[in-house]
Each structure stands twice: as structure tokens, then as C-alpha cells.
Amino acid sequence: MGFLLFAVTALHVLILILLFVATLDKSWWVLPDKETVNIWYDCWQRNHTEGWVCHTVSESAWLQAVQAFMVLSLLFSSFAFILFMCQLYTMKRGSLFYATGIFQLLTAFSVFTAALIYTIHVDEFQHGRMPGGSFGYCFVLAWLSCPLALISGIIYIHLRKKE
């Protein structure tokens, strides 16, 4: 039982780390000249003599939705972790971790929605720049955290507190 609790806790911490990096780091989209775009600022270098041009993404409703769902996923997962720790020490024996599991499932849904919206609308980043580009590692981390949060939520729902 101790190993299972350690494994579930480690998985949850891993999901939280992946979500924090995916939300706050700057590599959601990588342009051919190695410039990156994140979900908070849209920065690119027009040429090597002019420097960087940055715009907030507040004009883009779909990018605001991605931001909102990524922040929601962080909040859901953080709350689920706190709730799990509280339930671990206060819940009676034989009870299930339903609330923690539901919040982890909400985390998976939020991350899935954010990554899906980004996937559908990412072509709108080109606006006059050179065509091409690829998804960055933050985008990959977001997609990776989705099934992990789903698995974690299912494990929490089936996990019973034993002595």
C-alpha cells in the first residue's frame, strides 16, 4: 500500500510539473529560424538588425481560451493534490478518493481542450512571417499531461484508503 501511495503521489507531482512548464514556458510553436511563440506573448524577430517585435495575445480570443484552459488545468490539478493530501490524513478507512479523481479528470479535460484549440488554430500565427514551423516541446508536454491526468484520475477514483 505504501508503494502505491508513493507512485500515485509521484505521478501527480509529475503531472503538476508538466503542466507548469507547458503553461509558463515559451515554446508552443517553433518557427523555421528557431524563434518560438508561447501562449502569453507573440514575439518574433523581423530581421537581424531591427530586433524583436512582441505583441500580447489579448486580441486573439482562441488564444485566450487556451490560456484559460491551461490555467484551469493547473488549478484543478493543484486543488486535487491538496485535496488528496487532506483526504489521506482525515478520511476514514475504506473510503474512496472520489473528489480527488474528479478534479484530476477535470484537469485532463481542461488540458485536452486547450491543446485541441491550439492545434486547430495554430495556423493563425503566420501573419506575414515565413511559412512553416512546428509544434514546440510545451505543446508536447501539454498533450503528454492529458493522458497522465486521465490515468491518475481513474486511479484515484478506484483507490481505497487502507491502514
N, C-alpha and C. Protein backbone atom coordinates (compact mmCIF):
# COMPACT_ATOMS: atom_id res chain seq x y z
N MET A 1 0.81 -1.19 0.00
CA MET A 1 0.00 0.00 0.00
C MET A 1 0.86 1.26 0.00
N GLY A 2 1.96 1.23 0.71
CA GLY A 2 2.85 2.38 0.77
C GLY A 2 3.44 2.72 -0.58
N PHE A 3 3.82 1.68 -1.35
CA PHE A 3 4.37 1.91 -2.68
C PHE A 3 3.34 2.51 -3.61
N LEU A 4 2.09 2.05 -3.52
CA LEU A 4 1.02 2.58 -4.37
C LEU A 4 0.77 4.06 -4.07
N LEU A 5 0.75 4.43 -2.80
CA LEU A 5 0.57 5.83 -2.44
C LEU A 5 1.74 6.68 -2.95
N PHE A 6 2.95 6.15 -2.83
CA PHE A 6 4.12 6.87 -3.34
C PHE A 6 4.03 7.03 -4.86
N ALA A 7 3.63 5.98 -5.56
CA ALA A 7 3.53 6.03 -7.02
C ALA A 7 2.46 7.03 -7.47
N VAL A 8 1.31 7.02 -6.82
CA VAL A 8 0.24 7.95 -7.18
C VAL A 8 0.66 9.39 -6.89
N THR A 9 1.32 9.60 -5.78
CA THR A 9 1.79 10.95 -5.44
C THR A 9 2.86 11.41 -6.42
N ALA A 10 3.78 10.54 -6.77
CA ALA A 10 4.83 10.89 -7.74
C ALA A 10 4.22 11.20 -9.11
N LEU A 11 3.23 10.43 -9.52
CA LEU A 11 2.56 10.69 -10.80
C LEU A 11 1.87 12.05 -10.77
N HIS A 12 1.23 12.36 -9.66
CA HIS A 12 0.54 13.65 -9.55
C HIS A 12 1.54 14.81 -9.58
N VAL A 13 2.65 14.67 -8.90
CA VAL A 13 3.68 15.72 -8.91
C VAL A 13 4.25 15.86 -10.32
N LEU A 14 4.47 14.76 -11.02
CA LEU A 14 4.95 14.81 -12.40
C LEU A 14 3.96 15.56 -13.29
N ILE A 15 2.67 15.30 -13.13
CA ILE A 15 1.65 16.00 -13.91
C ILE A 15 1.68 17.50 -13.61
N LEU A 16 1.80 17.85 -12.35
CA LEU A 16 1.88 19.26 -11.98
C LEU A 16 3.10 19.95 -12.61
N ILE A 17 4.24 19.28 -12.60
CA ILE A 17 5.44 19.85 -13.21
C ILE A 17 5.25 20.03 -14.71
N LEU A 18 4.71 19.01 -15.37
CA LEU A 18 4.46 19.11 -16.81
C LEU A 18 3.52 20.26 -17.13
N LEU A 19 2.47 20.41 -16.33
CA LEU A 19 1.52 21.48 -16.58
C LEU A 19 2.13 22.86 -16.35
N PHE A 20 2.94 23.00 -15.30
CA PHE A 20 3.59 24.28 -15.04
C PHE A 20 4.53 24.66 -16.18
N VAL A 21 5.34 23.72 -16.64
CA VAL A 21 6.27 24.01 -17.73
C VAL A 21 5.51 24.31 -19.01
N ALA A 22 4.50 23.52 -19.31
CA ALA A 22 3.74 23.73 -20.54
C ALA A 22 3.02 25.07 -20.53
N THR A 23 2.54 25.50 -19.38
CA THR A 23 1.80 26.75 -19.31
C THR A 23 2.73 27.97 -19.31
N LEU A 24 3.83 27.90 -18.63
CA LEU A 24 4.64 29.09 -18.41
C LEU A 24 5.84 29.24 -19.34
N ASP A 25 6.29 28.18 -19.96
CA ASP A 25 7.46 28.29 -20.82
C ASP A 25 7.06 28.80 -22.20
N LYS A 26 8.04 29.04 -23.05
CA LYS A 26 7.79 29.80 -24.26
C LYS A 26 7.93 29.03 -25.57
N SER A 27 7.72 27.77 -25.59
CA SER A 27 7.94 27.04 -26.83
C SER A 27 6.73 26.21 -27.23
N TRP A 28 5.62 26.87 -27.55
CA TRP A 28 4.45 26.16 -28.06
C TRP A 28 4.55 26.00 -29.57
N TRP A 29 5.13 26.97 -30.24
CA TRP A 29 5.30 26.90 -31.70
C TRP A 29 6.69 27.37 -32.02
N VAL A 30 7.43 26.60 -32.84
CA VAL A 30 8.80 26.93 -33.21
C VAL A 30 8.82 27.23 -34.70
N LEU A 31 9.30 28.44 -35.04
CA LEU A 31 9.40 28.85 -36.44
C LEU A 31 10.67 28.27 -37.06
N PRO A 32 10.75 28.27 -38.38
CA PRO A 32 11.92 27.67 -39.04
C PRO A 32 13.26 28.28 -38.63
N ASP A 33 13.30 29.55 -38.24
CA ASP A 33 14.56 30.16 -37.83
C ASP A 33 14.78 30.08 -36.32
N LYS A 34 14.15 29.10 -35.68
CA LYS A 34 14.31 28.77 -34.26
C LYS A 34 13.68 29.80 -33.32
N GLU A 35 12.86 30.70 -33.83
CA GLU A 35 12.11 31.59 -32.96
C GLU A 35 10.93 30.83 -32.39
N THR A 36 10.51 31.19 -31.20
CA THR A 36 9.43 30.47 -30.54
C THR A 36 8.27 31.39 -30.23
N VAL A 37 7.09 30.81 -30.14
CA VAL A 37 5.87 31.52 -29.79
C VAL A 37 5.25 30.77 -28.61
N ASN A 38 4.77 31.52 -27.62
CA ASN A 38 4.11 30.88 -26.49
C ASN A 38 2.66 31.30 -26.44
N ILE A 39 1.97 30.97 -25.38
CA ILE A 39 0.55 31.32 -25.28
C ILE A 39 0.32 32.65 -24.58
N TRP A 40 1.38 33.34 -24.17
CA TRP A 40 1.22 34.60 -23.46
C TRP A 40 1.67 35.78 -24.29
N TYR A 41 2.78 35.68 -25.00
CA TYR A 41 3.28 36.75 -25.86
C TYR A 41 3.64 36.19 -27.21
N ASP A 42 3.41 37.01 -28.23
CA ASP A 42 3.74 36.63 -29.59
C ASP A 42 4.96 37.46 -29.99
N CYS A 43 6.15 36.87 -29.95
CA CYS A 43 7.39 37.59 -30.23
C CYS A 43 8.10 36.97 -31.43
N TRP A 44 8.63 37.81 -32.29
CA TRP A 44 9.43 37.33 -33.39
C TRP A 44 10.41 38.41 -33.80
N GLN A 45 11.43 38.04 -34.53
CA GLN A 45 12.47 38.95 -34.99
C GLN A 45 12.27 39.16 -36.48
N ARG A 46 11.98 40.41 -36.89
CA ARG A 46 11.73 40.67 -38.31
C ARG A 46 12.98 40.42 -39.14
N ASN A 47 14.07 40.98 -38.73
CA ASN A 47 15.36 40.67 -39.33
C ASN A 47 16.42 40.90 -38.25
N HIS A 48 17.63 40.62 -38.57
CA HIS A 48 18.67 40.64 -37.54
C HIS A 48 19.07 42.05 -37.11
N THR A 49 18.65 43.10 -37.84
CA THR A 49 19.05 44.45 -37.49
C THR A 49 17.98 45.19 -36.68
N GLU A 50 16.71 44.82 -36.83
CA GLU A 50 15.64 45.54 -36.16
C GLU A 50 15.37 45.09 -34.73
N GLY A 51 15.65 43.87 -34.40
CA GLY A 51 15.36 43.36 -33.06
C GLY A 51 14.02 42.64 -33.01
N TRP A 52 13.56 42.43 -31.79
CA TRP A 52 12.36 41.64 -31.56
C TRP A 52 11.11 42.50 -31.56
N VAL A 53 10.03 41.97 -32.08
CA VAL A 53 8.72 42.61 -32.06
C VAL A 53 7.82 41.70 -31.22
N CYS A 54 7.22 42.25 -30.17
CA CYS A 54 6.36 41.46 -29.29
C CYS A 54 4.98 42.09 -29.19
N HIS A 55 3.98 41.25 -29.21
CA HIS A 55 2.59 41.66 -29.03
C HIS A 55 1.96 40.76 -27.99
N THR A 56 1.09 41.34 -27.19
CA THR A 56 0.32 40.48 -26.30
C THR A 56 -0.70 39.75 -27.15
N VAL A 57 -1.19 38.67 -26.65
CA VAL A 57 -2.14 37.86 -27.41
C VAL A 57 -3.57 38.18 -27.03
N SER A 58 -3.78 39.35 -26.44
CA SER A 58 -5.12 39.70 -25.97
C SER A 58 -6.11 39.90 -27.11
N GLU A 59 -5.62 40.12 -28.34
CA GLU A 59 -6.52 40.29 -29.47
C GLU A 59 -7.09 38.96 -29.95
N SER A 60 -6.51 37.89 -29.57
CA SER A 60 -6.89 36.58 -30.08
C SER A 60 -7.77 35.84 -29.07
N ALA A 61 -9.04 35.68 -29.42
CA ALA A 61 -9.99 35.03 -28.50
C ALA A 61 -9.65 33.56 -28.30
N TRP A 62 -9.22 32.88 -29.36
CA TRP A 62 -8.91 31.46 -29.22
C TRP A 62 -7.68 31.25 -28.35
N LEU A 63 -6.70 32.17 -28.42
CA LEU A 63 -5.52 32.02 -27.58
C LEU A 63 -5.84 32.34 -26.12
N GLN A 64 -6.78 33.23 -25.89
CA GLN A 64 -7.24 33.47 -24.53
C GLN A 64 -7.94 32.24 -23.98
N ALA A 65 -8.65 31.52 -24.83
CA ALA A 65 -9.28 30.27 -24.39
C ALA A 65 -8.23 29.24 -24.01
N VAL A 66 -7.15 29.16 -24.80
CA VAL A 66 -6.06 28.23 -24.48
C VAL A 66 -5.44 28.61 -23.14
N GLN A 67 -5.20 29.90 -22.94
CA GLN A 67 -4.65 30.37 -21.67
C GLN A 67 -5.57 29.99 -20.51
N ALA A 68 -6.85 30.24 -20.68
CA ALA A 68 -7.81 29.97 -19.61
C ALA A 68 -7.86 28.48 -19.27
N PHE A 69 -7.90 27.64 -20.28
CA PHE A 69 -7.97 26.20 -20.01
C PHE A 69 -6.67 25.67 -19.40
N MET A 70 -5.52 26.21 -19.79
CA MET A 70 -4.26 25.77 -19.18
C MET A 70 -4.18 26.22 -17.72
N VAL A 71 -4.63 27.44 -17.43
CA VAL A 71 -4.64 27.89 -16.03
C VAL A 71 -5.64 27.08 -15.22
N LEU A 72 -6.80 26.79 -15.81
CA LEU A 72 -7.78 25.94 -15.13
C LEU A 72 -7.20 24.56 -14.83
N SER A 73 -6.48 24.00 -15.78
CA SER A 73 -5.89 22.67 -15.55
C SER A 73 -4.89 22.71 -14.39
N LEU A 74 -4.11 23.79 -14.31
CA LEU A 74 -3.19 23.94 -13.18
C LEU A 74 -3.95 24.04 -11.86
N LEU A 75 -5.01 24.83 -11.85
CA LEU A 75 -5.79 24.98 -10.63
C LEU A 75 -6.46 23.68 -10.22
N PHE A 76 -7.07 22.99 -11.18
CA PHE A 76 -7.72 21.71 -10.87
C PHE A 76 -6.73 20.69 -10.33
N SER A 77 -5.57 20.59 -10.97
CA SER A 77 -4.59 19.61 -10.53
C SER A 77 -3.99 19.98 -9.16
N SER A 78 -3.74 21.26 -8.95
CA SER A 78 -3.22 21.69 -7.65
C SER A 78 -4.23 21.43 -6.55
N PHE A 79 -5.50 21.77 -6.82
CA PHE A 79 -6.54 21.53 -5.83
C PHE A 79 -6.70 20.03 -5.57
N ALA A 80 -6.61 19.22 -6.62
CA ALA A 80 -6.72 17.77 -6.44
C ALA A 80 -5.59 17.24 -5.56
N PHE A 81 -4.39 17.78 -5.73
CA PHE A 81 -3.26 17.33 -4.91
C PHE A 81 -3.46 17.71 -3.45
N ILE A 82 -3.89 18.95 -3.21
CA ILE A 82 -4.15 19.38 -1.84
C ILE A 82 -5.27 18.55 -1.22
N LEU A 83 -6.31 18.32 -1.99
CA LEU A 83 -7.44 17.52 -1.52
C LEU A 83 -7.01 16.08 -1.22
N PHE A 84 -6.15 15.51 -2.05
CA PHE A 84 -5.65 14.16 -1.82
C PHE A 84 -4.88 14.09 -0.51
N MET A 85 -4.03 15.07 -0.27
CA MET A 85 -3.25 15.07 0.98
C MET A 85 -4.18 15.22 2.19
N CYS A 86 -5.19 16.06 2.07
CA CYS A 86 -6.14 16.22 3.19
C CYS A 86 -6.93 14.93 3.41
N GLN A 87 -7.40 14.33 2.32
CA GLN A 87 -8.17 13.09 2.45
C GLN A 87 -7.32 11.96 2.99
N LEU A 88 -6.06 11.95 2.63
CA LEU A 88 -5.17 10.89 3.07
C LEU A 88 -5.06 10.85 4.59
N TYR A 89 -5.12 12.00 5.23
CA TYR A 89 -4.95 12.05 6.68
C TYR A 89 -6.25 12.19 7.46
N THR A 90 -7.34 12.55 6.80
CA THR A 90 -8.58 12.77 7.55
C THR A 90 -9.70 11.80 7.20
N MET A 91 -9.61 11.12 6.08
CA MET A 91 -10.69 10.24 5.64
C MET A 91 -10.66 8.92 6.40
N LYS A 92 -11.84 8.35 6.62
CA LYS A 92 -11.88 7.08 7.34
C LYS A 92 -11.47 5.93 6.42
N ARG A 93 -11.07 4.84 7.04
CA ARG A 93 -10.61 3.67 6.27
C ARG A 93 -11.72 3.12 5.38
N GLY A 94 -11.34 2.64 4.21
CA GLY A 94 -12.28 2.05 3.27
C GLY A 94 -12.93 3.03 2.33
N SER A 95 -12.72 4.32 2.54
CA SER A 95 -13.33 5.33 1.67
C SER A 95 -12.53 5.46 0.38
N LEU A 96 -13.20 5.96 -0.63
CA LEU A 96 -12.58 6.17 -1.94
C LEU A 96 -12.25 7.65 -2.13
N PHE A 97 -11.29 7.92 -2.98
CA PHE A 97 -10.84 9.28 -3.26
C PHE A 97 -11.60 9.85 -4.46
N TYR A 98 -12.94 9.88 -4.37
CA TYR A 98 -13.76 10.33 -5.49
C TYR A 98 -13.48 11.79 -5.87
N ALA A 99 -13.45 12.67 -4.90
CA ALA A 99 -13.29 14.09 -5.18
C ALA A 99 -11.96 14.38 -5.87
N THR A 100 -10.90 13.75 -5.38
CA THR A 100 -9.59 13.92 -5.99
C THR A 100 -9.61 13.42 -7.43
N GLY A 101 -10.22 12.27 -7.66
CA GLY A 101 -10.30 11.72 -9.00
C GLY A 101 -11.08 12.60 -9.95
N ILE A 102 -12.17 13.17 -9.47
CA ILE A 102 -12.98 14.04 -10.32
C ILE A 102 -12.20 15.29 -10.71
N PHE A 103 -11.46 15.86 -9.78
CA PHE A 103 -10.65 17.04 -10.12
C PHE A 103 -9.52 16.69 -11.08
N GLN A 104 -8.95 15.50 -10.98
CA GLN A 104 -7.93 15.10 -11.94
C GLN A 104 -8.55 14.87 -13.33
N LEU A 105 -9.77 14.34 -13.37
CA LEU A 105 -10.45 14.18 -14.65
C LEU A 105 -10.77 15.55 -15.26
N LEU A 106 -11.12 16.53 -14.43
CA LEU A 106 -11.33 17.89 -14.93
C LEU A 106 -10.02 18.49 -15.45
N THR A 107 -8.91 18.15 -14.81
CA THR A 107 -7.60 18.57 -15.30
C THR A 107 -7.35 18.02 -16.69
N ALA A 108 -7.60 16.73 -16.87
CA ALA A 108 -7.38 16.10 -18.17
C ALA A 108 -8.27 16.74 -19.24
N PHE A 109 -9.52 17.01 -18.90
CA PHE A 109 -10.44 17.64 -19.84
C PHE A 109 -9.97 19.05 -20.21
N SER A 110 -9.50 19.82 -19.24
CA SER A 110 -9.04 21.19 -19.50
C SER A 110 -7.80 21.21 -20.39
N VAL A 111 -6.84 20.36 -20.10
CA VAL A 111 -5.63 20.30 -20.91
C VAL A 111 -5.96 19.83 -22.33
N PHE A 112 -6.82 18.83 -22.43
CA PHE A 112 -7.23 18.33 -23.75
C PHE A 112 -7.88 19.44 -24.57
N THR A 113 -8.76 20.20 -23.95
CA THR A 113 -9.45 21.28 -24.65
C THR A 113 -8.47 22.36 -25.09
N ALA A 114 -7.54 22.75 -24.22
CA ALA A 114 -6.55 23.77 -24.57
C ALA A 114 -5.67 23.32 -25.73
N ALA A 115 -5.17 22.11 -25.65
CA ALA A 115 -4.29 21.61 -26.71
C ALA A 115 -5.05 21.43 -28.02
N LEU A 116 -6.29 21.03 -27.95
CA LEU A 116 -7.09 20.87 -29.16
C LEU A 116 -7.38 22.21 -29.82
N ILE A 117 -7.73 23.22 -29.03
CA ILE A 117 -7.95 24.55 -29.58
C ILE A 117 -6.67 25.07 -30.24
N TYR A 118 -5.55 24.88 -29.57
CA TYR A 118 -4.27 25.33 -30.13
C TYR A 118 -3.95 24.61 -31.43
N THR A 119 -4.21 23.32 -31.48
CA THR A 119 -3.94 22.54 -32.68
C THR A 119 -4.77 23.04 -33.86
N ILE A 120 -6.01 23.35 -33.61
CA ILE A 120 -6.91 23.78 -34.68
C ILE A 120 -6.56 25.17 -35.20
N HIS A 121 -6.15 26.08 -34.32
CA HIS A 121 -5.96 27.48 -34.70
C HIS A 121 -4.51 27.91 -34.87
N VAL A 122 -3.56 27.03 -34.80
CA VAL A 122 -2.16 27.44 -34.79
C VAL A 122 -1.73 28.08 -36.11
N ASP A 123 -2.41 27.83 -37.20
CA ASP A 123 -2.04 28.43 -38.48
C ASP A 123 -2.21 29.95 -38.48
N GLU A 124 -2.96 30.48 -37.56
CA GLU A 124 -3.17 31.93 -37.48
C GLU A 124 -1.94 32.67 -36.97
N PHE A 125 -0.88 31.97 -36.59
CA PHE A 125 0.34 32.61 -36.11
C PHE A 125 1.21 33.14 -37.24
N GLN A 126 0.94 32.80 -38.45
CA GLN A 126 1.86 33.13 -39.53
C GLN A 126 1.92 34.62 -39.83
N HIS A 127 0.83 35.35 -39.78
CA HIS A 127 0.68 36.77 -40.13
C HIS A 127 1.95 37.45 -40.65
N GLY A 128 2.26 37.18 -41.87
CA GLY A 128 3.35 37.86 -42.56
C GLY A 128 4.73 37.28 -42.33
N ARG A 129 4.85 36.28 -41.53
CA ARG A 129 6.15 35.68 -41.29
C ARG A 129 6.42 34.60 -42.32
N MET A 130 7.60 34.07 -42.25
CA MET A 130 7.90 32.98 -43.18
C MET A 130 7.02 31.78 -42.84
N PRO A 131 6.52 31.09 -43.86
CA PRO A 131 5.66 29.93 -43.59
C PRO A 131 6.45 28.77 -42.99
N GLY A 132 5.73 27.89 -42.41
CA GLY A 132 6.36 26.71 -41.81
C GLY A 132 6.38 26.82 -40.30
N GLY A 133 7.09 25.93 -39.72
CA GLY A 133 7.17 25.87 -38.27
C GLY A 133 6.67 24.53 -37.77
N SER A 134 6.85 24.31 -36.51
CA SER A 134 6.43 23.05 -35.92
C SER A 134 6.04 23.29 -34.46
N PHE A 135 5.39 22.31 -33.91
CA PHE A 135 4.99 22.40 -32.51
C PHE A 135 6.21 22.28 -31.62
N GLY A 136 6.22 23.07 -30.54
CA GLY A 136 7.34 23.05 -29.60
C GLY A 136 7.12 22.06 -28.48
N TYR A 137 8.10 22.00 -27.60
CA TYR A 137 8.04 20.99 -26.54
C TYR A 137 6.95 21.29 -25.51
N CYS A 138 6.56 22.54 -25.32
CA CYS A 138 5.48 22.85 -24.37
C CYS A 138 4.16 22.27 -24.85
N PHE A 139 3.94 22.33 -26.16
CA PHE A 139 2.75 21.74 -26.74
C PHE A 139 2.75 20.23 -26.52
N VAL A 140 3.89 19.61 -26.71
CA VAL A 140 4.02 18.16 -26.50
C VAL A 140 3.79 17.82 -25.03
N LEU A 141 4.33 18.63 -24.13
CA LEU A 141 4.13 18.38 -22.70
C LEU A 141 2.66 18.51 -22.31
N ALA A 142 1.95 19.45 -22.93
CA ALA A 142 0.53 19.58 -22.65
C ALA A 142 -0.22 18.33 -23.10
N TRP A 143 0.08 17.85 -24.29
CA TRP A 143 -0.58 16.62 -24.75
C TRP A 143 -0.18 15.42 -23.91
N LEU A 144 1.05 15.38 -23.45
CA LEU A 144 1.51 14.27 -22.61
C LEU A 144 0.83 14.28 -21.25
N SER A 145 0.60 15.46 -20.69
CA SER A 145 -0.03 15.53 -19.37
C SER A 145 -1.51 15.14 -19.42
N CYS A 146 -2.13 15.23 -20.58
CA CYS A 146 -3.56 14.89 -20.69
C CYS A 146 -3.84 13.42 -20.36
N PRO A 147 -3.21 12.44 -21.03
CA PRO A 147 -3.50 11.05 -20.66
C PRO A 147 -2.99 10.69 -19.27
N LEU A 148 -1.90 11.32 -18.84
CA LEU A 148 -1.40 11.04 -17.49
C LEU A 148 -2.41 11.50 -16.44
N ALA A 149 -3.01 12.67 -16.65
CA ALA A 149 -4.03 13.16 -15.72
C ALA A 149 -5.28 12.27 -15.77
N LEU A 150 -5.62 11.79 -16.94
CA LEU A 150 -6.76 10.89 -17.08
C LEU A 150 -6.52 9.58 -16.33
N ILE A 151 -5.34 9.01 -16.50
CA ILE A 151 -4.97 7.78 -15.79
C ILE A 151 -4.95 8.02 -14.29
N SER A 152 -4.38 9.15 -13.88
CA SER A 152 -4.32 9.48 -12.46
C SER A 152 -5.72 9.63 -11.87
N GLY A 153 -6.61 10.28 -12.60
CA GLY A 153 -7.99 10.45 -12.12
C GLY A 153 -8.70 9.12 -11.96
N ILE A 154 -8.49 8.22 -12.90
CA ILE A 154 -9.11 6.89 -12.81
C ILE A 154 -8.54 6.10 -11.63
N ILE A 155 -7.23 6.22 -11.42
CA ILE A 155 -6.61 5.54 -10.28
C ILE A 155 -7.17 6.08 -8.97
N TYR A 156 -7.30 7.41 -8.87
CA TYR A 156 -7.84 8.00 -7.65
C TYR A 156 -9.26 7.54 -7.37
N ILE A 157 -10.07 7.42 -8.42
CA ILE A 157 -11.46 7.00 -8.22
C ILE A 157 -11.54 5.56 -7.68
N HIS A 158 -10.61 4.72 -8.09
CA HIS A 158 -10.61 3.32 -7.66
C HIS A 158 -9.75 3.05 -6.42
N LEU A 159 -9.00 4.05 -5.97
CA LEU A 159 -8.10 3.89 -4.83
C LEU A 159 -8.87 3.97 -3.52
N ARG A 160 -8.69 2.97 -2.69
CA ARG A 160 -9.32 2.93 -1.35
C ARG A 160 -8.26 3.24 -0.30
N LYS A 161 -8.71 3.92 0.74
CA LYS A 161 -7.80 4.19 1.85
C LYS A 161 -7.76 2.97 2.75
N LYS A 162 -6.56 2.46 2.92
CA LYS A 162 -6.36 1.34 3.84
C LYS A 162 -5.40 1.78 4.92
N GLU A 163 -5.31 1.00 5.94
CA GLU A 163 -4.42 1.36 7.04
C GLU A 163 -3.00 1.01 6.74
